[in-house]
C-alpha atoms as a PDB file:
ATOM      1  CA  MET A   1       4.736  12.150  23.342  1.00  0.00           C
ATOM      2  CA  LYS A   2       6.226  10.580  26.497  1.00  0.00           C
ATOM      3  CA  ASN A   3       2.870   9.788  27.761  1.00  0.00           C
ATOM      4  CA  ILE A   4       1.677   7.736  24.605  1.00  0.00           C
ATOM      5  CA  ARG A   5       4.894   5.858  24.726  1.00  0.00           C
ATOM      6  CA  THR A   6       4.333   5.085  28.428  1.00  0.00           C
ATOM      7  CA  THR A   7       0.913   4.107  27.697  1.00  0.00           C
ATOM      8  CA  ILE A   8       1.972   1.796  24.857  1.00  0.00           C
ATOM      9  CA  ASP A   9       4.642   0.191  27.099  1.00  0.00           C
ATOM     10  CA  LYS A  10       2.195  -0.495  29.946  1.00  0.00           C
ATOM     11  CA  GLU A  11      -0.271  -2.200  27.588  1.00  0.00           C
ATOM     12  CA  VAL A  12       2.504  -4.297  25.811  1.00  0.00           C
ATOM     13  CA  GLU A  13       3.637  -5.488  29.331  1.00  0.00           C
ATOM     14  CA  LYS A  14      -0.127  -6.274  30.134  1.00  0.00           C
ATOM     15  CA  LEU A  15      -0.163  -8.536  27.022  1.00  0.00           C
ATOM     16  CA  ASP A  16       3.063  -9.904  27.674  1.00  0.00           C
ATOM     17  CA  LEU A  17       2.150 -10.984  31.170  1.00  0.00           C
ATOM     18  CA  LYS A  18      -1.220 -12.567  29.837  1.00  0.00           C
ATOM     19  CA  TRP A  19       0.690 -14.500  27.201  1.00  0.00           C
ATOM     20  CA  ARG A  20       3.278 -15.830  29.933  1.00  0.00           C
ATOM     21  CA  SER A  21       0.394 -16.818  32.162  1.00  0.00           C
ATOM     22  CA  LEU A  22      -0.927 -19.250  29.494  1.00  0.00           C
ATOM     23  CA  PRO A  23      -0.064 -22.681  29.530  1.00  0.00           C
ATOM     24  CA  VAL A  24       2.721 -23.846  27.259  1.00  0.00           C
ATOM     25  CA  GLY A  25       0.699 -26.241  25.398  1.00  0.00           C
ATOM     26  CA  ARG A  26      -1.844 -23.305  24.524  1.00  0.00           C
ATOM     27  CA  GLN A  27       0.665 -20.997  23.513  1.00  0.00           C
ATOM     28  CA  VAL A  28       2.170 -23.668  21.132  1.00  0.00           C
ATOM     29  CA  ARG A  29      -1.400 -24.180  19.661  1.00  0.00           C
ATOM     30  CA  TYR A  30      -1.955 -20.494  19.230  1.00  0.00           C
ATOM     31  CA  VAL A  31       1.536 -20.256  17.245  1.00  0.00           C
ATOM     32  CA  LEU A  32       0.532 -23.108  15.245  1.00  0.00           C
ATOM     33  CA  TYR A  33      -2.703 -21.489  14.239  1.00  0.00           C
ATOM     34  CA  LEU A  34      -1.025 -18.368  13.370  1.00  0.00           C
ATOM     35  CA  PHE A  35       1.660 -20.251  11.193  1.00  0.00           C
ATOM     36  CA  ALA A  36      -0.932 -22.195   9.621  1.00  0.00           C
ATOM     37  CA  PHE A  37      -3.150 -19.177   8.620  1.00  0.00           C
ATOM     38  CA  TYR A  38       0.224 -17.648   7.600  1.00  0.00           C
ATOM     39  CA  LEU A  39       0.909 -20.495   5.607  1.00  0.00           C
ATOM     40  CA  LEU A  40      -2.560 -20.290   4.001  1.00  0.00           C
ATOM     41  CA  MET A  41      -2.577 -16.983   2.933  1.00  0.00           C
ATOM     42  CA  GLY A  42       0.943 -17.328   1.318  1.00  0.00           C
ATOM     43  CA  VAL A  43      -0.366 -20.399  -0.824  1.00  0.00           C
ATOM     44  CA  GLY A  44      -3.591 -18.572  -1.740  1.00  0.00           C
ATOM     45  CA  VAL A  45      -1.441 -15.643  -2.894  1.00  0.00           C
ATOM     46  CA  LEU A  46       0.861 -17.901  -4.835  1.00  0.00           C
ATOM     47  CA  VAL A  47      -2.142 -19.700  -6.487  1.00  0.00           C
ATOM     48  CA  LYS A  48      -3.371 -16.292  -7.573  1.00  0.00           C
ATOM     49  CA  VAL A  49      -0.176 -15.338  -9.130  1.00  0.00           C
ATOM     50  CA  PHE A  50       0.189 -18.376 -10.845  1.00  0.00           C
ATOM     51  CA  TYR A  51      -3.525 -18.347 -11.914  1.00  0.00           C
ATOM     52  CA  ASP A  52      -3.069 -14.943 -13.439  1.00  0.00           C
ATOM     53  CA  LEU A  53       0.216 -15.587 -15.108  1.00  0.00           C
ATOM     54  CA  GLY A  54      -1.390 -18.937 -16.585  1.00  0.00           C
ATOM     55  CA  LYS A  55      -4.432 -16.887 -18.037  1.00  0.00           C
ATOM     56  CA  GLY A  56      -2.316 -15.736 -21.020  1.00  0.00           C
ATOM     57  CA  ASP A  57      -4.062 -12.271 -21.314  1.00  0.00           C
ATOM     58  CA  ALA A  58      -1.798  -9.680 -22.855  1.00  0.00           C
ATOM     59  CA  ILE A  59      -1.097  -6.960 -20.062  1.00  0.00           C
ATOM     60  CA  ASP A  60      -2.008  -3.563 -21.525  1.00  0.00           C
ATOM     61  CA  ILE A  61       0.795  -1.301 -20.777  1.00  0.00           C
ATOM     62  CA  SER A  62      -0.085   2.460 -21.281  1.00  0.00           C
ATOM     63  CA  HIS A  63       0.989   5.888 -20.031  1.00  0.00           C
ATOM     64  CA  ILE A  64      -0.873   7.307 -16.959  1.00  0.00           C
ATOM     65  CA  GLU A  65      -3.776   9.787 -18.112  1.00  0.00           C
ATOM     66  CA  VAL A  66      -3.940  12.898 -16.185  1.00  0.00           C
ATOM     67  CA  PRO A  67      -7.550  13.734 -15.391  1.00  0.00           C
ATOM     68  CA  GLY A  68      -9.207  16.691 -17.240  1.00  0.00           C
ATOM     69  CA  VAL A  69      -8.429  19.904 -15.179  1.00  0.00           C
ATOM     70  CA  ILE A  70     -10.664  22.718 -16.005  1.00  0.00           C
ATOM     71  CA  GLN A  71      -8.794  25.739 -17.424  1.00  0.00           C
ATOM     72  CA  ASN A  72      -9.914  28.693 -19.197  1.00  0.00           C
ATOM     73  CA  GLU A  73      -9.316  28.593 -22.831  1.00  0.00           C
ATOM     74  CA  SER A  74      -7.278  31.896 -22.886  1.00  0.00           C
ATOM     75  CA  SER A  75      -4.572  30.215 -20.786  1.00  0.00           C
ATOM     76  CA  VAL A  76      -4.421  27.108 -23.005  1.00  0.00           C
ATOM     77  CA  LYS A  77      -4.238  29.457 -26.255  1.00  0.00           C
ATOM     78  CA  ASP A  78      -1.713  31.839 -24.617  1.00  0.00           C
ATOM     79  CA  SER A  79       0.681  28.745 -23.395  1.00  0.00           C
ATOM     80  CA  VAL A  80       0.587  27.371 -27.047  1.00  0.00           C
ATOM     81  CA  THR A  81       0.943  30.249 -29.277  1.00  0.00           C
ATOM     82  CA  ASN A  82       3.240  32.480 -26.974  1.00  0.00           C
ATOM     83  CA  PRO A  83       6.793  30.732 -26.763  1.00  0.00           C
ATOM     84  CA  LYS A  84       7.582  33.190 -23.803  1.00  0.00           C
ATOM     85  CA  ASN A  85       5.251  31.311 -21.416  1.00  0.00           C
ATOM     86  CA  ILE A  86       7.117  27.765 -22.108  1.00  0.00           C
ATOM     87  CA  TYR A  87      10.455  27.018 -20.870  1.00  0.00           C
ATOM     88  CA  ASN A  88      12.017  23.486 -21.056  1.00  0.00           C
ATOM     89  CA  GLY A  89       8.838  21.932 -22.039  1.00  0.00           C
ATOM     90  CA  ARG A  90       7.041  23.538 -18.908  1.00  0.00           C
ATOM     91  CA  GLU A  91       4.888  26.400 -18.644  1.00  0.00           C
ATOM     92  CA  ARG A  92       5.904  29.269 -16.715  1.00  0.00           C
ATOM     93  CA  GLU A  93       3.849  30.869 -14.192  1.00  0.00           C
END
């Protein structure tokens, strides 16, 4: 675990040295590009949210359905007909 941590620390240090060696103007430009991209993504998400809200479609809220599980018919019949196998609404094993 220590080896991974030292490797990551070394790589981060290399990237930090590369960043600091860039001219300040280029650093500012890169930061502005990243900020513009982030702003564009945020505006896109907001537009999508308002578009979906404005559509006016009713949201269908329903229970989550459990996918069909293959069971023997005997275990299903036994749990339904024999109350000893049911405790607090749950099936006993």
